[in-house]
C-alpha atoms as a PDB file:
ATOM      1  CA  PRO A   1      36.540 -20.212  20.400  1.00  0.00           C
ATOM      2  CA  THR A   2      34.252 -18.793  23.012  1.00  0.00           C
ATOM      3  CA  THR A   3      31.643 -20.862  24.779  1.00  0.00           C
ATOM      4  CA  PRO A   4      28.072 -19.641  24.192  1.00  0.00           C
ATOM      5  CA  PRO A   5      26.143 -18.591  27.289  1.00  0.00           C
ATOM      6  CA  THR A   6      24.124 -21.436  28.706  1.00  0.00           C
ATOM      7  CA  ASP A   7      21.680 -19.313  30.628  1.00  0.00           C
ATOM      8  CA  LEU A   8      19.802 -17.745  27.713  1.00  0.00           C
ATOM      9  CA  ASN A   9      16.851 -19.432  26.072  1.00  0.00           C
ATOM     10  CA  PRO A  10      14.548 -17.700  23.579  1.00  0.00           C
ATOM     11  CA  HIS A  11      10.900 -18.598  23.352  1.00  0.00           C
ATOM     12  CA  TRP A  12       8.605 -17.737  20.493  1.00  0.00           C
ATOM     13  CA  VAL A  13       4.865 -17.506  20.455  1.00  0.00           C
ATOM     14  CA  ARG A  14       2.848 -18.457  17.390  1.00  0.00           C
ATOM     15  CA  TYR A  15       5.272 -17.641  14.597  1.00  0.00           C
ATOM     16  CA  SER A  16       3.502 -19.569  11.888  1.00  0.00           C
ATOM     17  CA  GLY A  17       5.690 -18.596   8.936  1.00  0.00           C
ATOM     18  CA  GLY A  18       8.561 -20.928   8.168  1.00  0.00           C
ATOM     19  CA  MET A  19      10.804 -18.121   6.963  1.00  0.00           C
ATOM     20  CA  VAL A  20      10.239 -16.100  10.151  1.00  0.00           C
ATOM     21  CA  THR A  21      10.942 -19.119  12.334  1.00  0.00           C
ATOM     22  CA  GLY A  22      14.087 -19.867  10.350  1.00  0.00           C
ATOM     23  CA  SER A  23      15.297 -16.289  10.652  1.00  0.00           C
ATOM     24  CA  LEU A  24      14.735 -16.347  14.397  1.00  0.00           C
ATOM     25  CA  PHE A  25      16.795 -19.547  14.693  1.00  0.00           C
ATOM     26  CA  ARG A  26      19.580 -17.928  12.675  1.00  0.00           C
ATOM     27  CA  SER A  27      19.557 -14.890  14.974  1.00  0.00           C
ATOM     28  CA  ALA A  28      19.418 -17.060  18.091  1.00  0.00           C
ATOM     29  CA  LEU A  29      22.503 -18.960  16.973  1.00  0.00           C
ATOM     30  CA  ALA A  30      24.325 -15.700  16.230  1.00  0.00           C
ATOM     31  CA  PHE A  31      23.588 -14.435  19.752  1.00  0.00           C
ATOM     32  CA  GLY A  32      24.806 -17.666  21.336  1.00  0.00           C
ATOM     33  CA  VAL A  33      21.601 -18.863  22.953  1.00  0.00           C
ATOM     34  CA  ALA A  34      21.398 -22.259  24.624  1.00  0.00           C
ATOM     35  CA  GLY A  35      18.162 -23.474  23.006  1.00  0.00           C
ATOM     36  CA  VAL A  36      14.721 -22.562  21.740  1.00  0.00           C
ATOM     37  CA  VAL A  37      11.244 -23.124  23.207  1.00  0.00           C
ATOM     38  CA  LEU A  38       8.394 -22.964  20.674  1.00  0.00           C
ATOM     39  CA  SER A  39       4.768 -22.431  21.644  1.00  0.00           C
ATOM     40  CA  PRO A  40       1.821 -24.213  20.029  1.00  0.00           C
ATOM     41  CA  GLY A  41       1.137 -22.721  16.619  1.00  0.00           C
ATOM     42  CA  CYS A  42       4.778 -22.067  15.712  1.00  0.00           C
ATOM     43  CA  ALA A  43       5.981 -23.246  12.333  1.00  0.00           C
ATOM     44  CA  ASP A  44       7.983 -26.473  12.267  1.00  0.00           C
ATOM     45  CA  PRO A  45      11.659 -25.492  12.221  1.00  0.00           C
ATOM     46  CA  LEU A  46      12.332 -28.499   9.967  1.00  0.00           C
ATOM     47  CA  TYR A  47      10.001 -27.145   7.280  1.00  0.00           C
ATOM     48  CA  ARG A  48      12.082 -26.600   4.128  1.00  0.00           C
ATOM     49  CA  LYS A  49      11.592 -22.808   4.085  1.00  0.00           C
ATOM     50  CA  ALA A  50      12.553 -22.565   7.763  1.00  0.00           C
ATOM     51  CA  ILE A  51      15.704 -24.608   7.152  1.00  0.00           C
ATOM     52  CA  ARG A  52      16.690 -22.416   4.209  1.00  0.00           C
ATOM     53  CA  ALA A  53      16.015 -19.158   6.095  1.00  0.00           C
ATOM     54  CA  SER A  54      17.925 -20.416   9.133  1.00  0.00           C
ATOM     55  CA  MET A  55      20.976 -21.257   6.983  1.00  0.00           C
ATOM     56  CA  GLY A  56      21.202 -24.535   8.896  1.00  0.00           C
ATOM     57  CA  ALA A  57      20.901 -23.023  12.388  1.00  0.00           C
ATOM     58  CA  VAL A  58      17.934 -25.324  13.124  1.00  0.00           C
ATOM     59  CA  PHE A  59      20.409 -28.228  13.048  1.00  0.00           C
ATOM     60  CA  LYS A  60      22.797 -26.581  15.513  1.00  0.00           C
ATOM     61  CA  LEU A  61      20.418 -25.400  18.254  1.00  0.00           C
ATOM     62  CA  PRO A  62      18.391 -27.648  20.521  1.00  0.00           C
ATOM     63  CA  TYR A  63      14.687 -26.833  20.497  1.00  0.00           C
ATOM     64  CA  THR A  64      11.437 -28.137  21.840  1.00  0.00           C
ATOM     65  CA  PHE A  65       7.749 -27.547  21.322  1.00  0.00           C
ATOM     66  CA  ALA A  66       5.971 -26.664  24.565  1.00  0.00           C
ATOM     67  CA  PRO A  67       2.393 -27.947  24.271  1.00  0.00           C
ATOM     68  CA  HIS A  68       1.534 -26.781  27.797  1.00  0.00           C
ATOM     69  CA  TRP A  69       2.091 -23.070  27.315  1.00  0.00           C
ATOM     70  CA  PRO A  70       3.077 -21.055  29.343  1.00  0.00           C
ATOM     71  CA  GLU A  71       3.520 -23.592  32.145  1.00  0.00           C
ATOM     72  CA  ALA A  72       6.539 -25.030  30.331  1.00  0.00           C
ATOM     73  CA  LEU A  73       8.341 -21.709  30.713  1.00  0.00           C
ATOM     74  CA  SER A  74       8.174 -22.044  34.489  1.00  0.00           C
ATOM     75  CA  GLN A  75       9.914 -25.412  34.245  1.00  0.00           C
ATOM     76  CA  VAL A  76      12.643 -24.039  32.013  1.00  0.00           C
ATOM     77  CA  LYS A  77      13.124 -21.022  34.270  1.00  0.00           C
ATOM     78  CA  ALA A  78      13.344 -23.336  37.284  1.00  0.00           C
ATOM     79  CA  GLY A  79      16.209 -25.028  35.460  1.00  0.00           C
ATOM     80  CA  GLY A  80      18.182 -21.784  35.677  1.00  0.00           C
ATOM     81  CA  TYR A  81      17.653 -20.407  32.177  1.00  0.00           C
ATOM     82  CA  GLY A  82      16.830 -16.806  31.313  1.00  0.00           C
ATOM     83  CA  PHE A  83      14.525 -15.762  28.479  1.00  0.00           C
ATOM     84  CA  PHE A  84      14.137 -13.288  25.704  1.00  0.00           C
ATOM     85  CA  ALA A  85      11.442 -13.134  23.060  1.00  0.00           C
ATOM     86  CA  PRO A  86      10.395 -10.979  20.133  1.00  0.00           C
ATOM     87  CA  PRO A  87       7.318  -8.769  20.563  1.00  0.00           C
ATOM     88  CA  PRO A  88       4.039 -10.707  20.442  1.00  0.00           C
ATOM     89  CA  GLN A  89       2.057 -10.657  17.227  1.00  0.00           C
ATOM     90  CA  ASN A  90      -1.494  -9.315  17.211  1.00  0.00           C
END
């Protein structure tokens, strides 16, 4: 088996729907990301609909809520991680 890249870390801003959050976790796992940073206002990834949509990916990826947004991203970047994110919602 291949080792997932450890330098990629998605962050999501205000995805309030559990199914969207779950789908993003599922995609993140498929792309081999190292972890997930969630901004204030994101749905709880342990919400039942998020778990179902993620097909269990929320249990395989480390994640954190970043209450001090976007300052937390600077700390993560300083740790040597890169970022990608979906387009912001209006």
